[in-house]
């Protein structure tokens, strides 16, 4: 059941608003970059069959 925020005390209101704040507590996802050392010329001999 939803709570009317206007009926809460200032302290309780701040606590509830912090829970819903998307900027705080959100975990940033990092992108992982892989170095590609694949050389097609090394495997070209297998393709000619």
PDB file of N, CA and C in Angstrom:
ATOM      1  N   UNK A   1       0.841  -1.171   0.000  1.00  0.00           N
ATOM      2  CA  UNK A   1       0.000   0.000   0.000  1.00  0.00           C
ATOM      3  C   UNK A   1       0.894   1.246   0.000  1.00  0.00           C
ATOM      4  N   UNK A   2       0.660   2.177  -0.892  1.00  0.00           N
ATOM      5  CA  UNK A   2       1.495   3.380  -0.965  1.00  0.00           C
ATOM      6  C   UNK A   2       1.330   4.259   0.280  1.00  0.00           C
ATOM      7  N   UNK A   3       2.406   4.939   0.604  1.00  0.00           N
ATOM      8  CA  UNK A   3       2.412   5.819   1.762  1.00  0.00           C
ATOM      9  C   UNK A   3       2.365   7.261   1.282  1.00  0.00           C
ATOM     10  N   UNK A   4       1.560   8.065   1.946  1.00  0.00           N
ATOM     11  CA  UNK A   4       1.490   9.484   1.631  1.00  0.00           C
ATOM     12  C   UNK A   4       2.716  10.155   2.247  1.00  0.00           C
ATOM     13  N   UNK A   5       3.588  10.658   1.429  1.00  0.00           N
ATOM     14  CA  UNK A   5       4.852  11.229   1.893  1.00  0.00           C
ATOM     15  C   UNK A   5       4.622  12.482   2.720  1.00  0.00           C
ATOM     16  N   UNK A   6       3.565  13.197   2.465  1.00  0.00           N
ATOM     17  CA  UNK A   6       3.315  14.434   3.208  1.00  0.00           C
ATOM     18  C   UNK A   6       2.985  14.172   4.672  1.00  0.00           C
ATOM     19  N   UNK A   7       2.559  12.953   5.004  1.00  0.00           N
ATOM     20  CA  UNK A   7       2.232  12.637   6.395  1.00  0.00           C
ATOM     21  C   UNK A   7       3.444  12.174   7.183  1.00  0.00           C
ATOM     22  N   UNK A   8       4.551  11.904   6.524  1.00  0.00           N
ATOM     23  CA  UNK A   8       5.750  11.418   7.207  1.00  0.00           C
ATOM     24  C   UNK A   8       6.540  12.575   7.799  1.00  0.00           C
ATOM     25  N   UNK A   9       7.368  12.235   8.782  1.00  0.00           N
ATOM     26  CA  UNK A   9       8.249  13.256   9.341  1.00  0.00           C
ATOM     27  C   UNK A   9       9.354  13.545   8.328  1.00  0.00           C
ATOM     28  N   UNK A  10      10.060  14.644   8.546  1.00  0.00           N
ATOM     29  CA  UNK A  10      11.118  15.049   7.623  1.00  0.00           C
ATOM     30  C   UNK A  10      12.196  13.966   7.513  1.00  0.00           C
ATOM     31  N   UNK A  11      12.536  13.363   8.625  1.00  0.00           N
ATOM     32  CA  UNK A  11      13.576  12.326   8.637  1.00  0.00           C
ATOM     33  C   UNK A  11      13.140  11.092   7.845  1.00  0.00           C
ATOM     34  N   UNK A  12      11.908  10.640   8.082  1.00  0.00           N
ATOM     35  CA  UNK A  12      11.393   9.476   7.361  1.00  0.00           C
ATOM     36  C   UNK A  12      11.269   9.763   5.873  1.00  0.00           C
ATOM     37  N   UNK A  13      10.888  10.978   5.540  1.00  0.00           N
ATOM     38  CA  UNK A  13      10.755  11.377   4.132  1.00  0.00           C
ATOM     39  C   UNK A  13      12.109  11.301   3.426  1.00  0.00           C
ATOM     40  N   UNK A  14      13.159  11.791   4.083  1.00  0.00           N
ATOM     41  CA  UNK A  14      14.505  11.746   3.490  1.00  0.00           C
ATOM     42  C   UNK A  14      14.971  10.320   3.281  1.00  0.00           C
ATOM     43  N   UNK A  15      14.686   9.456   4.253  1.00  0.00           N
ATOM     44  CA  UNK A  15      15.089   8.047   4.142  1.00  0.00           C
ATOM     45  C   UNK A  15      14.398   7.385   2.957  1.00  0.00           C
ATOM     46  N   UNK A  16      13.092   7.609   2.821  1.00  0.00           N
ATOM     47  CA  UNK A  16      12.349   7.010   1.700  1.00  0.00           C
ATOM     48  C   UNK A  16      12.792   7.558   0.351  1.00  0.00           C
ATOM     49  N   UNK A  17      13.076   8.843   0.295  1.00  0.00           N
ATOM     50  CA  UNK A  17      13.505   9.443  -0.964  1.00  0.00           C
ATOM     51  C   UNK A  17      14.894   8.950  -1.367  1.00  0.00           C
ATOM     52  N   UNK A  18      15.753   8.684  -0.391  1.00  0.00           N
ATOM     53  CA  UNK A  18      17.086   8.147  -0.709  1.00  0.00           C
ATOM     54  C   UNK A  18      16.992   6.760  -1.328  1.00  0.00           C
ATOM     55  N   UNK A  19      16.032   5.975  -0.874  1.00  0.00           N
ATOM     56  CA  UNK A  19      15.859   4.622  -1.412  1.00  0.00           C
ATOM     57  C   UNK A  19      15.504   4.658  -2.896  1.00  0.00           C
ATOM     58  N   UNK A  20      14.756   5.677  -3.302  1.00  0.00           N
ATOM     59  CA  UNK A  20      14.282   5.753  -4.682  1.00  0.00           C
ATOM     60  C   UNK A  20      15.151   6.631  -5.572  1.00  0.00           C
ATOM     61  N   UNK A  21      16.196   7.216  -5.015  1.00  0.00           N
ATOM     62  CA  UNK A  21      17.076   8.078  -5.805  1.00  0.00           C
ATOM     63  C   UNK A  21      17.947   7.216  -6.719  1.00  0.00           C
ATOM     64  N   UNK A  22      17.790   7.307  -8.028  1.00  0.00           N
ATOM     65  CA  UNK A  22      18.540   6.431  -8.934  1.00  0.00           C
ATOM     66  C   UNK A  22      20.024   6.784  -9.015  1.00  0.00           C
ATOM     67  N   UNK A  23      20.405   7.995  -8.638  1.00  0.00           N
ATOM     68  CA  UNK A  23      21.801   8.391  -8.760  1.00  0.00           C
ATOM     69  C   UNK A  23      22.651   7.819  -7.651  1.00  0.00           C
ATOM     70  N   UNK A  24      22.089   7.700  -6.472  1.00  0.00           N
ATOM     71  CA  UNK A  24      22.838   7.192  -5.325  1.00  0.00           C
ATOM     72  C   UNK A  24      22.637   5.693  -5.210  1.00  0.00           C
ATOM     73  N   UNK A  25      23.715   4.989  -4.981  1.00  0.00           N
ATOM     74  CA  UNK A  25      23.621   3.559  -4.773  1.00  0.00           C
ATOM     75  C   UNK A  25      23.562   2.742  -6.048  1.00  0.00           C
ATOM     76  N   UNK A  26      23.463   3.383  -7.174  1.00  0.00           N
ATOM     77  CA  UNK A  26      23.425   2.651  -8.431  1.00  0.00           C
ATOM     78  C   UNK A  26      24.837   2.209  -8.803  1.00  0.00           C
ATOM     79  N   UNK A  27      24.946   0.990  -9.250  1.00  0.00           N
ATOM     80  CA  UNK A  27      26.240   0.449  -9.629  1.00  0.00           C
ATOM     81  C   UNK A  27      26.457   0.721 -11.108  1.00  0.00           C
ATOM     82  N   UNK A  28      27.568   1.330 -11.410  1.00  0.00           N
ATOM     83  CA  UNK A  28      27.896   1.598 -12.807  1.00  0.00           C
ATOM     84  C   UNK A  28      28.512   0.350 -13.421  1.00  0.00           C
ATOM     85  N   UNK A  29      28.074   0.053 -14.615  1.00  0.00           N
ATOM     86  CA  UNK A  29      28.605  -1.108 -15.301  1.00  0.00           C
ATOM     87  C   UNK A  29      29.786  -0.694 -16.146  1.00  0.00           C
ATOM     88  N   UNK A  30      30.850  -1.465 -16.026  1.00  0.00           N
ATOM     89  CA  UNK A  30      32.036  -1.183 -16.818  1.00  0.00           C
ATOM     90  C   UNK A  30      32.038  -2.078 -18.053  1.00  0.00           C
ATOM     91  N   UNK A  31      32.517  -1.534 -19.142  1.00  0.00           N
ATOM     92  CA  UNK A  31      32.649  -2.340 -20.339  1.00  0.00           C
ATOM     93  C   UNK A  31      34.052  -2.939 -20.345  1.00  0.00           C
ATOM     94  N   UNK A  32      34.124  -4.207 -20.645  1.00  0.00           N
ATOM     95  CA  UNK A  32      35.393  -4.903 -20.670  1.00  0.00           C
ATOM     96  C   UNK A  32      35.876  -4.946 -22.109  1.00  0.00           C
ATOM     97  N   UNK A  33      37.064  -4.465 -22.324  1.00  0.00           N
ATOM     98  CA  UNK A  33      37.629  -4.470 -23.668  1.00  0.00           C
ATOM     99  C   UNK A  33      38.653  -5.592 -23.776  1.00  0.00           C
ATOM    100  N   UNK A  34      38.497  -6.402 -24.790  1.00  0.00           N
ATOM    101  CA  UNK A  34      39.420  -7.489 -25.031  1.00  0.00           C
ATOM    102  C   UNK A  34      40.351  -7.108 -26.168  1.00  0.00           C
ATOM    103  N   UNK A  35      41.600  -7.439 -25.994  1.00  0.00           N
ATOM    104  CA  UNK A  35      42.550  -7.185 -27.073  1.00  0.00           C
ATOM    105  C   UNK A  35      42.467  -8.343 -28.057  1.00  0.00           C
ATOM    106  N   UNK A  36      42.343  -8.004 -29.307  1.00  0.00           N
ATOM    107  CA  UNK A  36      42.192  -9.007 -30.346  1.00  0.00           C
ATOM    108  C   UNK A  36      43.531  -9.212 -31.032  1.00  0.00           C
ATOM    109  N   UNK A  37      44.089 -10.414 -30.885  1.00  0.00           N
ATOM    110  CA  UNK A  37      45.349 -10.705 -31.549  1.00  0.00           C
ATOM    111  C   UNK A  37      45.168 -11.782 -32.617  1.00  0.00           C
ATOM    112  N   UNK A  38      43.936 -11.945 -33.093  1.00  0.00           N
ATOM    113  CA  UNK A  38      43.642 -12.926 -34.122  1.00  0.00           C
ATOM    114  C   UNK A  38      44.163 -12.435 -35.466  1.00  0.00           C
ATOM    115  N   UNK A  39      44.917 -13.298 -36.132  1.00  0.00           N
ATOM    116  CA  UNK A  39      45.427 -12.977 -37.460  1.00  0.00           C
ATOM    117  C   UNK A  39      44.907 -14.024 -38.429  1.00  0.00           C
ATOM    118  N   UNK A  40      44.117 -13.581 -39.378  1.00  0.00           N
ATOM    119  CA  UNK A  40      43.484 -14.495 -40.327  1.00  0.00           C
ATOM    120  C   UNK A  40      44.517 -15.197 -41.196  1.00  0.00           C
ATOM    121  N   UNK A  41      45.640 -14.546 -41.465  1.00  0.00           N
ATOM    122  CA  UNK A  41      46.666 -15.160 -42.312  1.00  0.00           C
ATOM    123  C   UNK A  41      47.241 -16.433 -41.695  1.00  0.00           C
ATOM    124  N   UNK A  42      47.263 -16.524 -40.379  1.00  0.00           N
ATOM    125  CA  UNK A  42      47.766 -17.728 -39.717  1.00  0.00           C
ATOM    126  C   UNK A  42      46.866 -18.927 -39.967  1.00  0.00           C
ATOM    127  N   UNK A  43      45.581 -18.722 -40.224  1.00  0.00           N
ATOM    128  CA  UNK A  43      44.620 -19.797 -40.401  1.00  0.00           C
ATOM    129  C   UNK A  43      44.131 -19.948 -41.835  1.00  0.00           C
ATOM    130  N   UNK A  44      44.662 -19.146 -42.728  1.00  0.00           N
ATOM    131  CA  UNK A  44      44.239 -19.189 -44.115  1.00  0.00           C
ATOM    132  C   UNK A  44      44.534 -20.530 -44.764  1.00  0.00           C
ATOM    133  N   UNK A  45      45.571 -21.229 -44.323  1.00  0.00           N
ATOM    134  CA  UNK A  45      45.939 -22.528 -44.906  1.00  0.00           C
ATOM    135  C   UNK A  45      44.849 -23.576 -44.678  1.00  0.00           C
ATOM    136  N   UNK A  46      44.044 -23.424 -43.665  1.00  0.00           N
ATOM    137  CA  UNK A  46      42.974 -24.370 -43.382  1.00  0.00           C
ATOM    138  C   UNK A  46      41.734 -24.110 -44.234  1.00  0.00           C
ATOM    139  N   UNK A  47      41.605 -22.928 -44.808  1.00  0.00           N
ATOM    140  CA  UNK A  47      40.431 -22.567 -45.579  1.00  0.00           C
ATOM    141  C   UNK A  47      40.534 -23.009 -47.038  1.00  0.00           C
ATOM    142  N   UNK A  48      41.704 -23.294 -47.521  1.00  0.00           N
ATOM    143  CA  UNK A  48      41.905 -23.552 -48.961  1.00  0.00           C
ATOM    144  C   UNK A  48      41.474 -24.961 -49.372  1.00  0.00           C
ATOM    145  N   UNK A  49      41.047 -25.804 -48.469  1.00  0.00           N
ATOM    146  CA  UNK A  49      40.668 -27.168 -48.835  1.00  0.00           C
ATOM    147  C   UNK A  49      39.378 -27.245 -49.558  1.00  0.00           C
TER     148      UNK A  49
END
